[in-house]
Structures are given as structure tokens and as C-alpha cells.
Protein backbone atom coordinates (compact mmCIF):
# COMPACT_ATOMS: atom_id res chain seq x y z
CA UNK A 1 60.22 -3.60 -52.52
CA UNK A 2 61.22 -1.78 -49.27
CA UNK A 3 59.50 -2.60 -45.73
CA UNK A 4 58.23 0.99 -44.33
CA UNK A 5 55.59 2.23 -40.97
CA UNK A 6 52.96 2.17 -43.15
CA UNK A 7 53.58 -1.08 -44.32
CA UNK A 8 55.14 -2.70 -40.16
CA UNK A 9 52.14 -1.08 -38.90
CA UNK A 10 49.32 -2.44 -41.43
CA UNK A 11 51.36 -6.23 -40.79
CA UNK A 12 51.32 -5.66 -37.10
CA UNK A 13 46.93 -4.44 -36.90
CA UNK A 14 46.36 -7.60 -39.58
CA UNK A 15 48.51 -10.52 -37.49
CA UNK A 16 46.36 -8.99 -33.82
CA UNK A 17 43.19 -8.32 -35.11
CA UNK A 18 42.63 -10.31 -38.46
CA UNK A 19 41.28 -7.37 -39.81
CA UNK A 20 42.22 -3.35 -41.38
CA UNK A 21 40.38 -0.28 -41.72
CA UNK A 22 37.79 -0.89 -44.36
CA UNK A 23 39.06 1.12 -47.25
CA UNK A 24 35.37 2.50 -48.39
CA UNK A 25 34.31 2.12 -52.12
CA UNK A 26 34.35 6.58 -53.15
CA UNK A 27 30.72 6.80 -54.76
CA UNK A 28 31.10 7.92 -58.75
CA UNK A 29 30.62 11.61 -58.78
CA UNK A 30 26.96 12.72 -59.54
CA UNK A 31 25.55 12.15 -63.34
CA UNK A 32 28.27 9.95 -63.76
CA UNK A 33 28.16 6.14 -65.53
CA UNK A 34 29.85 3.78 -64.73
CA UNK A 35 29.67 0.45 -66.09
CA UNK A 36 29.65 -3.29 -65.08
CA UNK A 37 31.88 -4.60 -65.38
CA UNK A 38 29.69 -8.96 -66.33
CA UNK A 39 30.60 -11.50 -64.71
CA UNK A 40 31.61 -14.53 -65.85
CA UNK A 41 30.70 -18.09 -65.00
CA UNK A 42 27.25 -19.84 -63.42
CA UNK A 43 26.67 -18.90 -59.60
CA UNK A 44 25.59 -22.15 -59.58
CA UNK A 45 28.57 -23.87 -60.68
CA UNK A 46 30.33 -26.50 -58.06
CA UNK A 47 33.47 -25.72 -56.48
CA UNK A 48 32.83 -22.14 -55.50
CA UNK A 49 32.79 -21.95 -52.37
CA UNK A 50 35.56 -18.53 -52.97
CA UNK A 51 32.32 -17.03 -54.05
CA UNK A 52 30.14 -17.40 -51.51
CA UNK A 53 32.80 -16.21 -49.71
CA UNK A 54 33.21 -13.40 -51.53
CA UNK A 55 29.92 -12.25 -52.74
CA UNK A 56 28.17 -10.31 -50.23
CA UNK A 57 31.00 -8.63 -48.83
CA UNK A 58 31.58 -4.67 -49.24
CA UNK A 59 34.21 -2.44 -47.58
CA UNK A 60 31.56 -1.54 -44.48
CA UNK A 61 30.44 -5.39 -44.38
CA UNK A 62 33.57 -7.62 -44.79
CA UNK A 63 32.08 -11.19 -44.77
CA UNK A 64 35.35 -12.07 -42.15
CA UNK A 65 37.90 -10.61 -44.65
CA UNK A 66 40.75 -9.52 -44.37
CA UNK A 67 40.21 -6.60 -46.55
CA UNK A 68 37.20 -5.41 -49.31
CA UNK A 69 38.15 -2.78 -51.62
CA UNK A 70 35.44 -1.68 -54.31
CA UNK A 71 36.93 0.59 -56.85
CA UNK A 72 34.33 4.00 -56.94
CA UNK A 73 32.42 1.92 -55.48
CA UNK A 74 31.90 -0.47 -58.08
CA UNK A 75 31.39 -4.19 -56.49
CA UNK A 76 31.74 -5.70 -59.95
CA UNK A 77 35.34 -4.38 -60.04
CA UNK A 78 36.78 -4.73 -56.67
CA UNK A 79 38.13 -7.62 -54.47
CA UNK A 80 38.26 -9.22 -50.78
CA UNK A 81 41.18 -9.91 -49.82
CA UNK A 82 40.54 -12.79 -46.82
CA UNK A 83 43.69 -15.27 -45.19
CA UNK A 84 44.05 -18.71 -46.84
CA UNK A 85 45.69 -21.67 -45.03
CA UNK A 86 47.78 -19.64 -42.42
CA UNK A 87 45.88 -16.66 -41.10
CA UNK A 88 47.92 -15.79 -38.07
CA UNK A 89 51.22 -16.18 -40.39
CA UNK A 90 49.46 -14.24 -42.91
CA UNK A 91 51.84 -15.54 -46.19
CA UNK A 92 48.74 -17.46 -47.56
CA UNK A 93 46.57 -14.68 -49.10
CA UNK A 94 44.21 -14.62 -51.47
CA UNK A 95 42.74 -11.89 -53.59
CA UNK A 96 39.72 -12.41 -54.44
CA UNK A 97 37.67 -10.58 -57.43
CA UNK A 98 33.18 -9.62 -56.20
CA UNK A 99 31.56 -10.43 -59.52
CA UNK A 100 31.52 -13.71 -60.11
CA UNK A 101 34.61 -14.31 -62.10
CA UNK A 102 35.71 -17.71 -62.96
CA UNK A 103 39.13 -18.08 -63.24
CA UNK A 104 42.03 -17.42 -65.99
CA UNK A 105 40.06 -18.86 -68.19
CA UNK A 106 36.79 -16.12 -68.39
CA UNK A 107 36.89 -13.42 -71.52
CA UNK A 108 36.21 -11.17 -70.14
CA UNK A 109 39.17 -10.85 -68.72
CA UNK A 110 40.91 -10.17 -72.01
CA UNK A 111 38.98 -6.59 -72.06
CA UNK A 112 40.54 -3.21 -72.45
CA UNK A 113 38.87 -1.86 -68.79
CA UNK A 114 39.11 -4.47 -67.03
CA UNK A 115 40.31 -4.59 -63.86
CA UNK A 116 44.01 -5.25 -63.54
CA UNK A 117 42.82 -7.55 -60.16
CA UNK A 118 47.24 -8.31 -60.35
CA UNK A 119 47.44 -4.87 -59.98
CA UNK A 120 44.97 -5.55 -56.83
CA UNK A 121 46.73 -8.20 -55.58
CA UNK A 122 50.24 -6.60 -56.09
CA UNK A 123 49.33 -3.89 -53.53
CA UNK A 124 48.77 -6.61 -50.84
CA UNK A 125 51.79 -7.56 -51.08
CA UNK A 126 52.50 -4.78 -47.57
CA UNK A 127 50.79 -7.42 -45.65
CA UNK A 128 52.98 -10.11 -46.07
CA UNK A 129 56.25 -10.44 -42.74
CA UNK A 130 58.90 -9.48 -43.20
CA UNK A 131 62.41 -12.73 -43.25
CA UNK A 132 63.62 -14.12 -40.05
CA UNK A 133 66.39 -11.17 -40.39
CA UNK A 134 63.63 -8.20 -40.99
CA UNK A 135 64.51 -8.40 -45.05
CA UNK A 136 61.44 -7.99 -47.81
CA UNK A 137 59.17 -10.17 -47.92
CA UNK A 138 59.79 -12.69 -51.28
CA UNK A 139 56.36 -12.29 -53.03
CA UNK A 140 55.23 -14.38 -55.55
CA UNK A 141 51.57 -13.82 -56.99
CA UNK A 142 50.31 -17.19 -58.58
CA UNK A 143 47.30 -18.28 -60.84
CA UNK A 144 46.16 -21.87 -61.42
CA UNK A 145 45.02 -22.78 -64.57
CA UNK A 146 41.66 -24.40 -65.27
CA UNK A 147 43.07 -27.79 -65.82
CA UNK A 148 44.35 -27.97 -62.29
CA UNK A 149 42.55 -26.00 -60.05
CA UNK A 150 39.93 -26.89 -56.41
CA UNK A 151 37.72 -23.41 -56.52
CA UNK A 152 35.36 -22.32 -59.33
CA UNK A 153 36.50 -18.71 -58.80
CA UNK A 154 38.72 -16.09 -59.87
CA UNK A 155 42.07 -15.73 -56.78
CA UNK A 156 45.31 -14.42 -57.17
CA UNK A 157 47.16 -16.10 -54.40
CA UNK A 158 49.47 -13.32 -52.66
CA UNK A 159 52.60 -15.51 -50.90
CA UNK A 160 56.71 -16.57 -51.34
CA UNK A 161 58.26 -17.81 -53.62
CA UNK A 162 59.53 -20.98 -53.49
CA UNK A 163 63.34 -20.51 -52.23
CA UNK A 164 64.37 -22.95 -55.13
CA UNK A 165 62.77 -21.17 -57.66
CA UNK A 166 64.38 -17.96 -56.66
CA UNK A 167 67.28 -19.71 -57.32
CA UNK A 168 66.58 -20.74 -60.97
CA UNK A 169 64.39 -17.49 -61.94
CA UNK A 170 67.42 -15.30 -60.78
CA UNK A 171 70.30 -17.49 -62.64
CA UNK A 172 68.01 -17.90 -65.66
CA UNK A 173 67.95 -13.74 -66.09
CA UNK A 174 71.35 -13.70 -65.17
CA UNK A 175 72.19 -15.91 -68.42
CA UNK A 176 70.41 -13.87 -70.06
CA UNK A 177 67.82 -16.05 -71.20
CA UNK A 178 64.54 -14.04 -69.95
CA UNK A 179 63.40 -11.61 -72.77
CA UNK A 180 62.06 -7.88 -71.98
CA UNK A 181 59.91 -7.32 -74.82
CA UNK A 182 56.66 -9.12 -74.77
CA UNK A 183 57.01 -9.98 -78.20
CA UNK A 184 59.64 -12.48 -77.14
CA UNK A 185 57.88 -13.91 -74.31
CA UNK A 186 56.14 -17.46 -76.30
CA UNK A 187 59.99 -18.13 -77.06
CA UNK A 188 61.80 -17.29 -73.90
CA UNK A 189 61.26 -20.64 -72.14
CA UNK A 190 63.53 -20.94 -68.80
CA UNK A 191 64.05 -23.92 -66.77
CA UNK A 192 62.92 -23.79 -62.79
CA UNK A 193 62.06 -26.99 -59.73
CA UNK A 194 60.04 -25.74 -57.39
CA UNK A 195 59.28 -28.41 -54.84
CA UNK A 196 56.69 -31.36 -54.79
CA UNK A 197 54.09 -32.62 -52.74
CA UNK A 198 56.28 -34.21 -49.85
CA UNK A 199 58.12 -30.43 -49.66
CA UNK A 200 61.10 -32.13 -51.49
CA UNK A 201 62.91 -30.36 -54.40
CA UNK A 202 62.37 -31.06 -57.74
CA UNK A 203 65.24 -33.19 -58.96
CA UNK A 204 63.82 -31.74 -62.41
CA UNK A 205 63.21 -28.41 -63.58
CA UNK A 206 59.92 -27.58 -65.35
CA UNK A 207 59.29 -25.56 -68.19
CA UNK A 208 58.33 -21.81 -68.46
CA UNK A 209 57.52 -19.25 -70.43
CA UNK A 210 59.85 -15.56 -68.63
CA UNK A 211 58.79 -12.16 -69.68
CA UNK A 212 60.86 -8.88 -67.53
CA UNK A 213 58.51 -6.15 -67.34
CA UNK A 214 59.28 -2.75 -65.25
CA UNK A 215 54.68 -2.24 -65.16
CA UNK A 216 52.39 -4.29 -62.81
CA UNK A 217 49.61 -1.58 -63.77
CA UNK A 218 48.54 -4.04 -67.14
CA UNK A 219 46.15 -6.58 -67.68
CA UNK A 220 48.30 -9.51 -67.43
CA UNK A 221 45.18 -11.97 -68.77
CA UNK A 222 45.85 -9.61 -72.61
CA UNK A 223 49.33 -9.97 -72.87
CA UNK A 224 49.67 -13.49 -72.28
CA UNK A 225 46.05 -14.64 -74.66
CA UNK A 226 48.10 -12.01 -77.51
CA UNK A 227 51.49 -12.93 -77.01
CA UNK A 228 51.59 -16.62 -76.27
CA UNK A 229 48.25 -18.26 -76.36
CA UNK A 230 46.90 -17.13 -79.44
CA UNK A 231 50.51 -17.15 -81.26
CA UNK A 232 50.45 -20.32 -81.04
CA UNK A 233 46.34 -21.19 -81.66
CA UNK A 234 47.39 -19.71 -84.71
CA UNK A 235 50.08 -22.14 -85.07
CA UNK A 236 47.92 -25.27 -84.60
CA UNK A 237 48.69 -25.70 -80.94
CA UNK A 238 45.22 -27.21 -79.39
CA UNK A 239 46.53 -24.77 -76.32
CA UNK A 240 43.39 -22.09 -74.51
CA UNK A 241 43.81 -19.40 -71.94
CA UNK A 242 42.05 -22.59 -69.31
CA UNK A 243 45.31 -24.66 -69.41
CA UNK A 244 47.52 -21.51 -69.21
CA UNK A 245 48.71 -20.94 -64.96
CA UNK A 246 50.44 -17.23 -64.20
CA UNK A 247 53.27 -16.83 -61.58
CA UNK A 248 54.44 -12.94 -60.86
CA UNK A 249 57.45 -12.18 -58.75
CA UNK A 250 59.25 -9.46 -58.10
CA UNK A 251 63.22 -9.53 -60.44
CA UNK A 252 65.70 -9.22 -58.10
CA UNK A 253 68.40 -9.14 -60.87
CA UNK A 254 67.39 -5.93 -61.67
CA UNK A 255 64.59 -3.83 -62.41
CA UNK A 256 60.93 -4.57 -62.73
CA UNK A 257 58.82 -7.71 -62.69
CA UNK A 258 59.25 -11.81 -63.25
CA UNK A 259 56.32 -12.70 -65.07
CA UNK A 260 56.74 -16.57 -66.35
CA UNK A 261 53.82 -18.73 -67.09
CA UNK A 262 53.34 -22.12 -68.74
CA UNK A 263 50.69 -25.32 -69.33
CA UNK A 264 51.30 -29.11 -70.09
CA UNK A 265 49.13 -28.78 -74.36
CA UNK A 266 52.14 -26.28 -76.02
CA UNK A 267 54.94 -28.93 -75.87
CA UNK A 268 57.46 -26.92 -73.79
CA UNK A 269 60.44 -28.16 -72.91
CA UNK A 270 61.30 -28.42 -70.08
CA UNK A 271 57.64 -30.02 -69.59
CA UNK A 272 55.34 -27.64 -68.81
CA UNK A 273 52.77 -27.91 -65.74
CA UNK A 274 49.14 -26.42 -65.24
CA UNK A 275 49.17 -25.74 -61.58
CA UNK A 276 51.34 -22.82 -59.25
CA UNK A 277 51.74 -24.32 -56.45
CA UNK A 278 55.14 -25.72 -56.79
CA UNK A 279 57.14 -22.69 -57.22
CA UNK A 280 54.73 -21.81 -53.28
CA UNK A 281 55.59 -20.87 -50.17
CA UNK A 282 52.85 -20.84 -47.97
CA UNK A 283 54.77 -21.03 -44.89
């Protein structure tokens, strides 16, 4: 990704005012029928602070969000961009559906017409600040499993990749350990180190399934289910989408993007993880 003038202006405006010009949803054409994307989860569930943050937000009334986008005016397919823990640095952002969507385990995310929330998150990468030398940010998009998350509302972290994780991912690509065929994703296992809760580099790598794709505009949840979870279940492994965690970042060793997934249920070696936070550098 290159740093362009539009991205710089957008970033500067957000740092100054934590807001951007409203992105107004376009109304559907006259006579057109819009099928809502059905919700997943009970609004009365516990740990829904993120849902409460976005459920009344709109492009015209952002309700504290940086931006709210409703494609073709459709809230059920929309999302809000909110600040994380370090709003002044803008290195910790969240993309949150404006429809009730509990998390990665929601079956409706596998539908052919499901919103592409990963692409929506990727479009926010231009907000992230450049490095100290003006280089493009080493971004990462992360989604945690139902097994180890703090909020019962789907959210995609838009942040930076841990430098140690970057080095290990790059080396795995150089060593031809990352498949370019999604059908081989299940068996393309690499070891990646991140950091522990004290921000110390992990001594031993953890196991992640890795895939190199050229296309960011696709349903990554459906691919994860079709090419990893379903085959594992068919083989008798006690694993579900709720156990999976997912991270997408730029491929620095060639074209496209690197997608890694992990869990603690499917017998990964090295042992897997159910939370992607160890690989995120939120600043």
C-alpha cells in the first residue's frame, strides 16, 4: 500500500477532530427490493458494549464513531469505525457491523450474500499513521474467537502487526511454507511468535494455518469454514467456527495478502491460539 495525499488528509483530519466528512448511504433505486442481512445474536446478551455503541449510529448521526457507512442506505449491511484504546494515535481502530452480529461463529456470515466485513476493515487502513520514517504502516486486521474475546459483537481490529510476527511470517513465505491454494490452507501450518501480556517476545512460536491470496474482496469467513473447519469436522475433529481466530495482513514478500487462522482445538503443531491479540501492535 502506498501513502497518498487522500490518505494523509483523511488521517490528519481524524487526528485533529476524530471525525471525517459523513459518508452518506445511497438510497436504493426506485422499485428496487433490498433484502436485509439477518441478525445473529440476542440484543439482550451480556458483554454487548460495542453493540450498544453502534446500534443507534447512522451516517448522518455517527454517535461517537469516526465514520458510519450504510451501503445503498442499508443499515443491516453497514458498519461503524470506532476508536480503540489509543484514539489520538489512531493505531487501534475497530470496524463493527451496525446490525446485531455476535461474532465469527455466526452462521449468516457464511452466506453468499453476506457483507465483506474484512474488505470494509481494509478500507480503513489509510487512517493508520505512517511509521517514523514515513513508511506505509504495517497493518493487520484481526478477529478473535468466541472462546477468547471480551465482546459479543463482531468487530475487526484495524491496527499494526507485531514486528516479530512480521519477521516470522516473511520468513515462512520465503521458505515456501505458505500455500497460494485455498484448498491447501488447512495443511499449510507455520510457526509465528508474537508478544505476551507483558509485551515480551514469545520464546516459542505458536501454530497458524497460512494462505496467500490476491483478493481482499471475498468472504474470508466462508473460506475458513469451507477449507479448514468443515474438513476438520468431517475428519472427526471437535472444532467449530467459534474456536477460530483470524488475521489478514499485507504480503511483504510478493503479491497479495497473507491470511492466518488458528485455534486450540484442532491439534495444531506448534500449539495453536484462540486469540489474535499477541500478534497485534496497537501502539
